[in-house]
Amino acid sequence: MKQQIASEMLRVVKSDGLVLGYDYHVNNPWNTDVRGIKRQEISQLFPGCRIQLQRITLAPPLVRLLAPYSWLACYLLGKVPWLCTHYLGVIRKEQTKVFHRC
């Protein structure tokens, strides 16, 4: 199903458009239905595309623990990539170059 969805996204995006994604990077240990998607799988789902991924979103259990006491701590810890549980991704089709004869 993932491959069908990714293929359809690429089919409908304009040649100069992009796919913007936000998804889990890690599995949720308390909810087996929430499965993370790794960088390699994203590359396989969108072959031939330029993919930029940034880890964002401080782990929600940490936020729930810290936020009542310090938003600053949440902000600063959110800058540590390995504490972030989601990807923000920008996926672009690779442009094919067209050469014209003169």
PDB file of N, CA and C in Angstrom:
ATOM      1  N   MET A   1       0.825  -1.186   0.000  1.00  0.00           N
ATOM      2  CA  MET A   1       0.000   0.000   0.000  1.00  0.00           C
ATOM      3  C   MET A   1       0.878   1.262   0.000  1.00  0.00           C
ATOM      4  N   LYS A   2       1.969   1.236   0.768  1.00  0.00           N
ATOM      5  CA  LYS A   2       2.861   2.402   0.803  1.00  0.00           C
ATOM      6  C   LYS A   2       3.380   2.730  -0.592  1.00  0.00           C
ATOM      7  N   GLN A   3       3.777   1.683  -1.331  1.00  0.00           N
ATOM      8  CA  GLN A   3       4.320   1.905  -2.668  1.00  0.00           C
ATOM      9  C   GLN A   3       3.265   2.486  -3.602  1.00  0.00           C
ATOM     10  N   GLN A   4       2.030   2.030  -3.491  1.00  0.00           N
ATOM     11  CA  GLN A   4       0.946   2.563  -4.325  1.00  0.00           C
ATOM     12  C   GLN A   4       0.702   4.039  -4.020  1.00  0.00           C
ATOM     13  N   ILE A   5       0.721   4.383  -2.735  1.00  0.00           N
ATOM     14  CA  ILE A   5       0.501   5.778  -2.336  1.00  0.00           C
ATOM     15  C   ILE A   5       1.635   6.663  -2.844  1.00  0.00           C
ATOM     16  N   ALA A   6       2.880   6.200  -2.658  1.00  0.00           N
ATOM     17  CA  ALA A   6       4.039   6.979  -3.110  1.00  0.00           C
ATOM     18  C   ALA A   6       4.012   7.159  -4.626  1.00  0.00           C
ATOM     19  N   SER A   7       3.667   6.108  -5.343  1.00  0.00           N
ATOM     20  CA  SER A   7       3.597   6.196  -6.812  1.00  0.00           C
ATOM     21  C   SER A   7       2.540   7.197  -7.253  1.00  0.00           C
ATOM     22  N   GLU A   8       1.409   7.189  -6.592  1.00  0.00           N
ATOM     23  CA  GLU A   8       0.348   8.133  -6.943  1.00  0.00           C
ATOM     24  C   GLU A   8       0.767   9.572  -6.624  1.00  0.00           C
ATOM     25  N   MET A   9       1.470   9.754  -5.524  1.00  0.00           N
ATOM     26  CA  MET A   9       1.949  11.097  -5.179  1.00  0.00           C
ATOM     27  C   MET A   9       2.877  11.615  -6.276  1.00  0.00           C
ATOM     28  N   LEU A  10       3.778  10.765  -6.734  1.00  0.00           N
ATOM     29  CA  LEU A  10       4.695  11.180  -7.795  1.00  0.00           C
ATOM     30  C   LEU A  10       3.970  11.394  -9.120  1.00  0.00           C
ATOM     31  N   ARG A  11       2.939  10.630  -9.356  1.00  0.00           N
ATOM     32  CA  ARG A  11       2.196  10.784 -10.608  1.00  0.00           C
ATOM     33  C   ARG A  11       1.504  12.142 -10.679  1.00  0.00           C
ATOM     34  N   VAL A  12       0.955  12.605  -9.555  1.00  0.00           N
ATOM     35  CA  VAL A  12       0.151  13.830  -9.597  1.00  0.00           C
ATOM     36  C   VAL A  12       0.944  15.103  -9.319  1.00  0.00           C
ATOM     37  N   VAL A  13       2.154  14.985  -8.817  1.00  0.00           N
ATOM     38  CA  VAL A  13       2.930  16.196  -8.531  1.00  0.00           C
ATOM     39  C   VAL A  13       3.492  16.761  -9.836  1.00  0.00           C
ATOM     40  N   LYS A  14       3.430  18.067  -9.964  1.00  0.00           N
ATOM     41  CA  LYS A  14       3.966  18.725 -11.161  1.00  0.00           C
ATOM     42  C   LYS A  14       5.470  18.529 -11.228  1.00  0.00           C
ATOM     43  N   SER A  15       6.025  18.707 -12.405  1.00  0.00           N
ATOM     44  CA  SER A  15       7.463  18.491 -12.587  1.00  0.00           C
ATOM     45  C   SER A  15       8.299  19.434 -11.718  1.00  0.00           C
ATOM     46  N   ASP A  16       7.775  20.625 -11.435  1.00  0.00           N
ATOM     47  CA  ASP A  16       8.510  21.558 -10.577  1.00  0.00           C
ATOM     48  C   ASP A  16       7.928  21.581  -9.157  1.00  0.00           C
ATOM     49  N   GLY A  17       7.063  20.628  -8.865  1.00  0.00           N
ATOM     50  CA  GLY A  17       6.433  20.568  -7.546  1.00  0.00           C
ATOM     51  C   GLY A  17       7.247  19.719  -6.582  1.00  0.00           C
ATOM     52  N   LEU A  18       6.667  19.500  -5.421  1.00  0.00           N
ATOM     53  CA  LEU A  18       7.333  18.695  -4.412  1.00  0.00           C
ATOM     54  C   LEU A  18       6.301  17.969  -3.563  1.00  0.00           C
ATOM     55  N   VAL A  19       6.767  16.944  -2.899  1.00  0.00           N
ATOM     56  CA  VAL A  19       5.962  16.221  -1.924  1.00  0.00           C
ATOM     57  C   VAL A  19       6.510  16.602  -0.560  1.00  0.00           C
ATOM     58  N   LEU A  20       5.650  17.065   0.310  1.00  0.00           N
ATOM     59  CA  LEU A  20       6.044  17.437   1.661  1.00  0.00           C
ATOM     60  C   LEU A  20       5.469  16.386   2.597  1.00  0.00           C
ATOM     61  N   GLY A  21       6.327  15.784   3.394  1.00  0.00           N
ATOM     62  CA  GLY A  21       5.878  14.714   4.277  1.00  0.00           C
ATOM     63  C   GLY A  21       6.297  14.926   5.714  1.00  0.00           C
ATOM     64  N   TYR A  22       5.497  14.367   6.605  1.00  0.00           N
ATOM     65  CA  TYR A  22       5.784  14.414   8.037  1.00  0.00           C
ATOM     66  C   TYR A  22       5.367  13.064   8.591  1.00  0.00           C
ATOM     67  N   ASP A  23       6.320  12.298   9.121  1.00  0.00           N
ATOM     68  CA  ASP A  23       5.983  10.958   9.585  1.00  0.00           C
ATOM     69  C   ASP A  23       6.942  10.528  10.688  1.00  0.00           C
ATOM     70  N   TYR A  24       6.542   9.478  11.382  1.00  0.00           N
ATOM     71  CA  TYR A  24       7.369   8.926  12.458  1.00  0.00           C
ATOM     72  C   TYR A  24       8.669   8.356  11.913  1.00  0.00           C
ATOM     73  N   HIS A  25       9.725   8.548  12.645  1.00  0.00           N
ATOM     74  CA  HIS A  25      11.008   7.928  12.341  1.00  0.00           C
ATOM     75  C   HIS A  25      11.187   6.679  13.211  1.00  0.00           C
ATOM     76  N   VAL A  26      10.573   6.678  14.364  1.00  0.00           N
ATOM     77  CA  VAL A  26      10.730   5.571  15.320  1.00  0.00           C
ATOM     78  C   VAL A  26       9.389   4.881  15.559  1.00  0.00           C
ATOM     79  N   ASN A  27       9.467   3.631  15.980  1.00  0.00           N
ATOM     80  CA  ASN A  27       8.261   2.904  16.360  1.00  0.00           C
ATOM     81  C   ASN A  27       7.802   3.372  17.733  1.00  0.00           C
ATOM     82  N   ASN A  28       6.500   3.315  17.967  1.00  0.00           N
ATOM     83  CA  ASN A  28       5.949   3.644  19.277  1.00  0.00           C
ATOM     84  C   ASN A  28       5.915   2.360  20.102  1.00  0.00           C
ATOM     85  N   PRO A  29       6.690   2.290  21.183  1.00  0.00           N
ATOM     86  CA  PRO A  29       6.742   1.046  21.965  1.00  0.00           C
ATOM     87  C   PRO A  29       5.427   0.713  22.672  1.00  0.00           C
ATOM     88  N   TRP A  30       4.541   1.683  22.827  1.00  0.00           N
ATOM     89  CA  TRP A  30       3.274   1.455  23.511  1.00  0.00           C
ATOM     90  C   TRP A  30       2.115   1.228  22.542  1.00  0.00           C
ATOM     91  N   ASN A  31       2.363   1.415  21.258  1.00  0.00           N
ATOM     92  CA  ASN A  31       1.315   1.238  20.259  1.00  0.00           C
ATOM     93  C   ASN A  31       1.936   0.553  19.036  1.00  0.00           C
ATOM     94  N   THR A  32       1.715  -0.742  18.914  1.00  0.00           N
ATOM     95  CA  THR A  32       2.344  -1.506  17.830  1.00  0.00           C
ATOM     96  C   THR A  32       1.815  -1.135  16.446  1.00  0.00           C
ATOM     97  N   ASP A  33       0.720  -0.385  16.382  1.00  0.00           N
ATOM     98  CA  ASP A  33       0.203   0.068  15.088  1.00  0.00           C
ATOM     99  C   ASP A  33       0.971   1.270  14.549  1.00  0.00           C
ATOM    100  N   VAL A  34       1.752   1.900  15.381  1.00  0.00           N
ATOM    101  CA  VAL A  34       2.535   3.071  14.968  1.00  0.00           C
ATOM    102  C   VAL A  34       3.956   2.606  14.678  1.00  0.00           C
ATOM    103  N   ARG A  35       4.265   2.532  13.394  1.00  0.00           N
ATOM    104  CA  ARG A  35       5.560   2.051  12.933  1.00  0.00           C
ATOM    105  C   ARG A  35       6.300   3.175  12.226  1.00  0.00           C
ATOM    106  N   GLY A  36       7.542   3.372  12.595  1.00  0.00           N
ATOM    107  CA  GLY A  36       8.351   4.407  11.961  1.00  0.00           C
ATOM    108  C   GLY A  36       8.783   4.001  10.561  1.00  0.00           C
ATOM    109  N   ILE A  37       9.150   4.990   9.785  1.00  0.00           N
ATOM    110  CA  ILE A  37       9.653   4.750   8.429  1.00  0.00           C
ATOM    111  C   ILE A  37      11.084   5.274   8.374  1.00  0.00           C
ATOM    112  N   LYS A  38      11.978   4.447   7.897  1.00  0.00           N
ATOM    113  CA  LYS A  38      13.396   4.790   7.872  1.00  0.00           C
ATOM    114  C   LYS A  38      13.768   5.475   6.553  1.00  0.00           C
ATOM    115  N   ARG A  39      14.896   6.132   6.575  1.00  0.00           N
ATOM    116  CA  ARG A  39      15.411   6.858   5.409  1.00  0.00           C
ATOM    117  C   ARG A  39      15.528   5.937   4.186  1.00  0.00           C
ATOM    118  N   GLN A  40      16.027   4.740   4.386  1.00  0.00           N
ATOM    119  CA  GLN A  40      16.201   3.802   3.276  1.00  0.00           C
ATOM    120  C   GLN A  40      14.854   3.437   2.643  1.00  0.00           C
ATOM    121  N   GLU A  41      13.826   3.227   3.459  1.00  0.00           N
ATOM    122  CA  GLU A  41      12.514   2.891   2.912  1.00  0.00           C
ATOM    123  C   GLU A  41      11.936   4.064   2.124  1.00  0.00           C
ATOM    124  N   ILE A  42      12.140   5.273   2.617  1.00  0.00           N
ATOM    125  CA  ILE A  42      11.665   6.457   1.891  1.00  0.00           C
ATOM    126  C   ILE A  42      12.346   6.536   0.528  1.00  0.00           C
ATOM    127  N   SER A  43      13.650   6.267   0.492  1.00  0.00           N
ATOM    128  CA  SER A  43      14.384   6.273  -0.781  1.00  0.00           C
ATOM    129  C   SER A  43      13.852   5.215  -1.734  1.00  0.00           C
ATOM    130  N   GLN A  44      13.474   4.052  -1.211  1.00  0.00           N
ATOM    131  CA  GLN A  44      12.925   2.994  -2.055  1.00  0.00           C
ATOM    132  C   GLN A  44      11.531   3.354  -2.566  1.00  0.00           C
ATOM    133  N   LEU A  45      10.752   4.045  -1.745  1.00  0.00           N
ATOM    134  CA  LEU A  45       9.403   4.429  -2.152  1.00  0.00           C
ATOM    135  C   LEU A  45       9.404   5.519  -3.219  1.00  0.00           C
ATOM    136  N   PHE A  46      10.460   6.347  -3.217  1.00  0.00           N
ATOM    137  CA  PHE A  46      10.540   7.472  -4.153  1.00  0.00           C
ATOM    138  C   PHE A  46      11.847   7.390  -4.948  1.00  0.00           C
ATOM    139  N   PRO A  47      11.983   6.356  -5.797  1.00  0.00           N
ATOM    140  CA  PRO A  47      13.236   6.196  -6.551  1.00  0.00           C
ATOM    141  C   PRO A  47      13.422   7.340  -7.544  1.00  0.00           C
ATOM    142  N   GLY A  48      14.673   7.705  -7.736  1.00  0.00           N
ATOM    143  CA  GLY A  48      14.981   8.752  -8.697  1.00  0.00           C
ATOM    144  C   GLY A  48      14.603  10.142  -8.240  1.00  0.00           C
ATOM    145  N   CYS A  49      14.319  10.298  -6.960  1.00  0.00           N
ATOM    146  CA  CYS A  49      13.936  11.607  -6.424  1.00  0.00           C
ATOM    147  C   CYS A  49      15.045  12.163  -5.525  1.00  0.00           C
ATOM    148  N   ARG A  50      15.061  13.467  -5.426  1.00  0.00           N
ATOM    149  CA  ARG A  50      15.953  14.142  -4.480  1.00  0.00           C
ATOM    150  C   ARG A  50      15.178  14.260  -3.168  1.00  0.00           C
ATOM    151  N   ILE A  51      15.725  13.689  -2.113  1.00  0.00           N
ATOM    152  CA  ILE A  51      15.020  13.602  -0.836  1.00  0.00           C
ATOM    153  C   ILE A  51      15.829  14.323   0.236  1.00  0.00           C
ATOM    154  N   GLN A  52      15.167  15.256   0.901  1.00  0.00           N
ATOM    155  CA  GLN A  52      15.775  15.961   2.026  1.00  0.00           C
ATOM    156  C   GLN A  52      14.936  15.643   3.259  1.00  0.00           C
ATOM    157  N   LEU A  53      15.570  15.083   4.291  1.00  0.00           N
ATOM    158  CA  LEU A  53      14.863  14.742   5.517  1.00  0.00           C
ATOM    159  C   LEU A  53      15.507  15.448   6.697  1.00  0.00           C
ATOM    160  N   GLN A  54      14.680  15.955   7.561  1.00  0.00           N
ATOM    161  CA  GLN A  54      15.170  16.586   8.785  1.00  0.00           C
ATOM    162  C   GLN A  54      14.384  15.996   9.952  1.00  0.00           C
ATOM    163  N   ARG A  55      15.114  15.565  10.963  1.00  0.00           N
ATOM    164  CA  ARG A  55      14.442  15.028  12.136  1.00  0.00           C
ATOM    165  C   ARG A  55      13.957  16.193  12.991  1.00  0.00           C
ATOM    166  N   ILE A  56      12.664  16.147  13.312  1.00  0.00           N
ATOM    167  CA  ILE A  56      12.053  17.198  14.123  1.00  0.00           C
ATOM    168  C   ILE A  56      11.125  16.552  15.145  1.00  0.00           C
ATOM    169  N   THR A  57      10.509  17.319  15.967  1.00  0.00           N
ATOM    170  CA  THR A  57       9.531  16.938  16.982  1.00  0.00           C
ATOM    171  C   THR A  57      10.188  16.155  18.122  1.00  0.00           C
ATOM    172  N   LEU A  58      10.457  16.862  19.177  1.00  0.00           N
ATOM    173  CA  LEU A  58      10.986  16.237  20.380  1.00  0.00           C
ATOM    174  C   LEU A  58      10.051  15.113  20.806  1.00  0.00           C
ATOM    175  N   ALA A  59      10.609  14.007  21.244  1.00  0.00           N
ATOM    176  CA  ALA A  59       9.818  12.838  21.640  1.00  0.00           C
ATOM    177  C   ALA A  59       8.670  13.262  22.565  1.00  0.00           C
ATOM    178  N   PRO A  60       7.434  12.964  22.179  1.00  0.00           N
ATOM    179  CA  PRO A  60       6.272  13.401  22.958  1.00  0.00           C
ATOM    180  C   PRO A  60       6.319  13.058  24.453  1.00  0.00           C
ATOM    181  N   PRO A  61       6.816  11.873  24.873  1.00  0.00           N
ATOM    182  CA  PRO A  61       6.893  11.631  26.322  1.00  0.00           C
ATOM    183  C   PRO A  61       7.792  12.644  27.049  1.00  0.00           C
ATOM    184  N   LEU A  62       8.881  13.053  26.376  1.00  0.00           N
ATOM    185  CA  LEU A  62       9.748  14.079  26.979  1.00  0.00           C
ATOM    186  C   LEU A  62       9.041  15.422  27.075  1.00  0.00           C
ATOM    187  N   VAL A  63       8.318  15.767  26.028  1.00  0.00           N
ATOM    188  CA  VAL A  63       7.588  17.037  26.025  1.00  0.00           C
ATOM    189  C   VAL A  63       6.549  17.052  27.149  1.00  0.00           C
ATOM    190  N   ARG A  64       5.802  15.954  27.268  1.00  0.00           N
ATOM    191  CA  ARG A  64       4.784  15.893  28.328  1.00  0.00           C
ATOM    192  C   ARG A  64       5.404  16.009  29.711  1.00  0.00           C
ATOM    193  N   LEU A  65       6.595  15.460  29.870  1.00  0.00           N
ATOM    194  CA  LEU A  65       7.281  15.525  31.162  1.00  0.00           C
ATOM    195  C   LEU A  65       7.848  16.917  31.440  1.00  0.00           C
ATOM    196  N   LEU A  66       8.459  17.539  30.446  1.00  0.00           N
ATOM    197  CA  LEU A  66       9.186  18.792  30.649  1.00  0.00           C
ATOM    198  C   LEU A  66       8.368  20.065  30.454  1.00  0.00           C
ATOM    199  N   ALA A  67       7.416  20.042  29.548  1.00  0.00           N
ATOM    200  CA  ALA A  67       6.699  21.270  29.175  1.00  0.00           C
ATOM    201  C   ALA A  67       6.057  22.006  30.344  1.00  0.00           C
ATOM    202  N   PRO A  68       5.471  21.317  31.328  1.00  0.00           N
ATOM    203  CA  PRO A  68       4.890  22.067  32.447  1.00  0.00           C
ATOM    204  C   PRO A  68       5.920  22.881  33.240  1.00  0.00           C
ATOM    205  N   TYR A  69       7.195  22.512  33.108  1.00  0.00           N
ATOM    206  CA  TYR A  69       8.238  23.176  33.878  1.00  0.00           C
ATOM    207  C   TYR A  69       9.097  24.130  33.061  1.00  0.00           C
ATOM    208  N   SER A  70       9.351  23.758  31.805  1.00  0.00           N
ATOM    209  CA  SER A  70      10.262  24.595  31.023  1.00  0.00           C
ATOM    210  C   SER A  70      10.075  24.399  29.520  1.00  0.00           C
ATOM    211  N   TRP A  71       9.491  25.414  28.874  1.00  0.00           N
ATOM    212  CA  TRP A  71       9.405  25.400  27.417  1.00  0.00           C
ATOM    213  C   TRP A  71      10.781  25.557  26.801  1.00  0.00           C
ATOM    214  N   LEU A  72      11.652  26.270  27.482  1.00  0.00           N
ATOM    215  CA  LEU A  72      13.013  26.461  26.983  1.00  0.00           C
ATOM    216  C   LEU A  72      13.744  25.119  26.904  1.00  0.00           C
ATOM    217  N   ALA A  73      13.597  24.282  27.917  1.00  0.00           N
ATOM    218  CA  ALA A  73      14.234  22.959  27.890  1.00  0.00           C
ATOM    219  C   ALA A  73      13.700  22.137  26.709  1.00  0.00           C
ATOM    220  N   CYS A  74      12.395  22.211  26.470  1.00  0.00           N
ATOM    221  CA  CYS A  74      11.809  21.496  25.328  1.00  0.00           C
ATOM    222  C   CYS A  74      12.390  22.008  24.018  1.00  0.00           C
ATOM    223  N   TYR A  75      12.487  23.304  23.910  1.00  0.00           N
ATOM    224  CA  TYR A  75      13.027  23.912  22.692  1.00  0.00           C
ATOM    225  C   TYR A  75      14.475  23.463  22.463  1.00  0.00           C
ATOM    226  N   LEU A  76      15.287  23.553  23.495  1.00  0.00           N
ATOM    227  CA  LEU A  76      16.703  23.201  23.355  1.00  0.00           C
ATOM    228  C   LEU A  76      16.884  21.712  23.068  1.00  0.00           C
ATOM    229  N   LEU A  77      16.153  20.853  23.757  1.00  0.00           N
ATOM    230  CA  LEU A  77      16.266  19.420  23.507  1.00  0.00           C
ATOM    231  C   LEU A  77      15.724  19.046  22.130  1.00  0.00           C
ATOM    232  N   GLY A  78      14.796  19.836  21.622  1.00  0.00           N
ATOM    233  CA  GLY A  78      14.272  19.618  20.281  1.00  0.00           C
ATOM    234  C   GLY A  78      15.303  19.859  19.191  1.00  0.00           C
ATOM    235  N   LYS A  79      16.432  20.450  19.534  1.00  0.00           N
ATOM    236  CA  LYS A  79      17.525  20.685  18.583  1.00  0.00           C
ATOM    237  C   LYS A  79      18.478  19.492  18.513  1.00  0.00           C
ATOM    238  N   VAL A  80      18.278  18.501  19.381  1.00  0.00           N
ATOM    239  CA  VAL A  80      19.128  17.305  19.407  1.00  0.00           C
ATOM    240  C   VAL A  80      18.460  16.243  18.522  1.00  0.00           C
ATOM    241  N   PRO A  81      19.031  15.971  17.336  1.00  0.00           N
ATOM    242  CA  PRO A  81      18.346  15.095  16.375  1.00  0.00           C
ATOM    243  C   PRO A  81      17.955  13.726  16.924  1.00  0.00           C
ATOM    244  N   TRP A  82      18.796  13.092  17.713  1.00  0.00           N
ATOM    245  CA  TRP A  82      18.472  11.737  18.171  1.00  0.00           C
ATOM    246  C   TRP A  82      17.361  11.714  19.216  1.00  0.00           C
ATOM    247  N   LEU A  83      16.928  12.871  19.692  1.00  0.00           N
ATOM    248  CA  LEU A  83      15.771  12.940  20.594  1.00  0.00           C
ATOM    249  C   LEU A  83      14.472  13.232  19.837  1.00  0.00           C
ATOM    250  N   CYS A  84      14.590  13.426  18.541  1.00  0.00           N
ATOM    251  CA  CYS A  84      13.426  13.763  17.715  1.00  0.00           C
ATOM    252  C   CYS A  84      12.873  12.508  17.051  1.00  0.00           C
ATOM    253  N   THR A  85      11.556  12.399  17.024  1.00  0.00           N
ATOM    254  CA  THR A  85      10.904  11.158  16.619  1.00  0.00           C
ATOM    255  C   THR A  85      10.255  11.195  15.237  1.00  0.00           C
ATOM    256  N   HIS A  86      10.286  12.329  14.547  1.00  0.00           N
ATOM    257  CA  HIS A  86       9.600  12.459  13.264  1.00  0.00           C
ATOM    258  C   HIS A  86      10.557  13.017  12.209  1.00  0.00           C
ATOM    259  N   TYR A  87      10.211  12.720  10.962  1.00  0.00           N
ATOM    260  CA  TYR A  87      10.896  13.334   9.831  1.00  0.00           C
ATOM    261  C   TYR A  87       9.988  14.388   9.213  1.00  0.00           C
ATOM    262  N   LEU A  88      10.581  15.484   8.824  1.00  0.00           N
ATOM    263  CA  LEU A  88       9.963  16.412   7.891  1.00  0.00           C
ATOM    264  C   LEU A  88      10.734  16.199   6.598  1.00  0.00           C
ATOM    265  N   GLY A  89      10.023  15.831   5.553  1.00  0.00           N
ATOM    266  CA  GLY A  89      10.690  15.494   4.305  1.00  0.00           C
ATOM    267  C   GLY A  89      10.222  16.334   3.141  1.00  0.00           C
ATOM    268  N   VAL A  90      11.156  16.670   2.275  1.00  0.00           N
ATOM    269  CA  VAL A  90      10.867  17.338   1.008  1.00  0.00           C
ATOM    270  C   VAL A  90      11.386  16.408  -0.078  1.00  0.00           C
ATOM    271  N   ILE A  91      10.476  15.994  -0.948  1.00  0.00           N
ATOM    272  CA  ILE A  91      10.808  15.039  -2.001  1.00  0.00           C
ATOM    273  C   ILE A  91      10.499  15.696  -3.339  1.00  0.00           C
ATOM    274  N   ARG A  92      11.510  15.742  -4.192  1.00  0.00           N
ATOM    275  CA  ARG A  92      11.366  16.356  -5.515  1.00  0.00           C
ATOM    276  C   ARG A  92      11.766  15.350  -6.586  1.00  0.00           C
ATOM    277  N   LYS A  93      11.015  15.376  -7.684  1.00  0.00           N
ATOM    278  CA  LYS A  93      11.406  14.574  -8.831  1.00  0.00           C
ATOM    279  C   LYS A  93      12.711  15.131  -9.364  1.00  0.00           C
ATOM    280  N   GLU A  94      13.592  14.238  -9.798  1.00  0.00           N
ATOM    281  CA  GLU A  94      14.815  14.706 -10.450  1.00  0.00           C
ATOM    282  C   GLU A  94      14.437  15.256 -11.813  1.00  0.00           C
ATOM    283  N   GLN A  95      14.927  16.417 -12.116  1.00  0.00           N
ATOM    284  CA  GLN A  95      14.627  17.047 -13.401  1.00  0.00           C
ATOM    285  C   GLN A  95      15.447  16.368 -14.492  1.00  0.00           C
ATOM    286  N   THR A  96      14.786  15.973 -15.552  1.00  0.00           N
ATOM    287  CA  THR A  96      15.518  15.458 -16.698  1.00  0.00           C
ATOM    288  C   THR A  96      15.877  16.630 -17.586  1.00  0.00           C
ATOM    289  N   LYS A  97      17.108  16.656 -18.011  1.00  0.00           N
ATOM    290  CA  LYS A  97      17.573  17.770 -18.839  1.00  0.00           C
ATOM    291  C   LYS A  97      17.263  17.472 -20.298  1.00  0.00           C
ATOM    292  N   VAL A  98      16.733  18.457 -20.942  1.00  0.00           N
ATOM    293  CA  VAL A  98      16.411  18.342 -22.357  1.00  0.00           C
ATOM    294  C   VAL A  98      17.416  19.194 -23.129  1.00  0.00           C
ATOM    295  N   PHE A  99      18.090  18.571 -24.054  1.00  0.00           N
ATOM    296  CA  PHE A  99      19.060  19.281 -24.860  1.00  0.00           C
ATOM    297  C   PHE A  99      18.462  19.558 -26.244  1.00  0.00           C
ATOM    298  N   HIS A 100      18.599  20.769 -26.702  1.00  0.00           N
ATOM    299  CA  HIS A 100      18.090  21.168 -28.016  1.00  0.00           C
ATOM    300  C   HIS A 100      19.268  21.363 -28.964  1.00  0.00           C
ATOM    301  N   ARG A 101      19.090  20.877 -30.151  1.00  0.00           N
ATOM    302  CA  ARG A 101      20.122  21.101 -31.165  1.00  0.00           C
ATOM    303  C   ARG A 101      19.951  22.480 -31.775  1.00  0.00           C
ATOM    304  N   CYS A 102      21.051  23.090 -32.028  1.00  0.00           N
ATOM    305  CA  CYS A 102      21.004  24.430 -32.638  1.00  0.00           C
ATOM    306  C   CYS A 102      21.157  24.348 -34.130  1.00  0.00           C
TER     307      CYS A 102
END
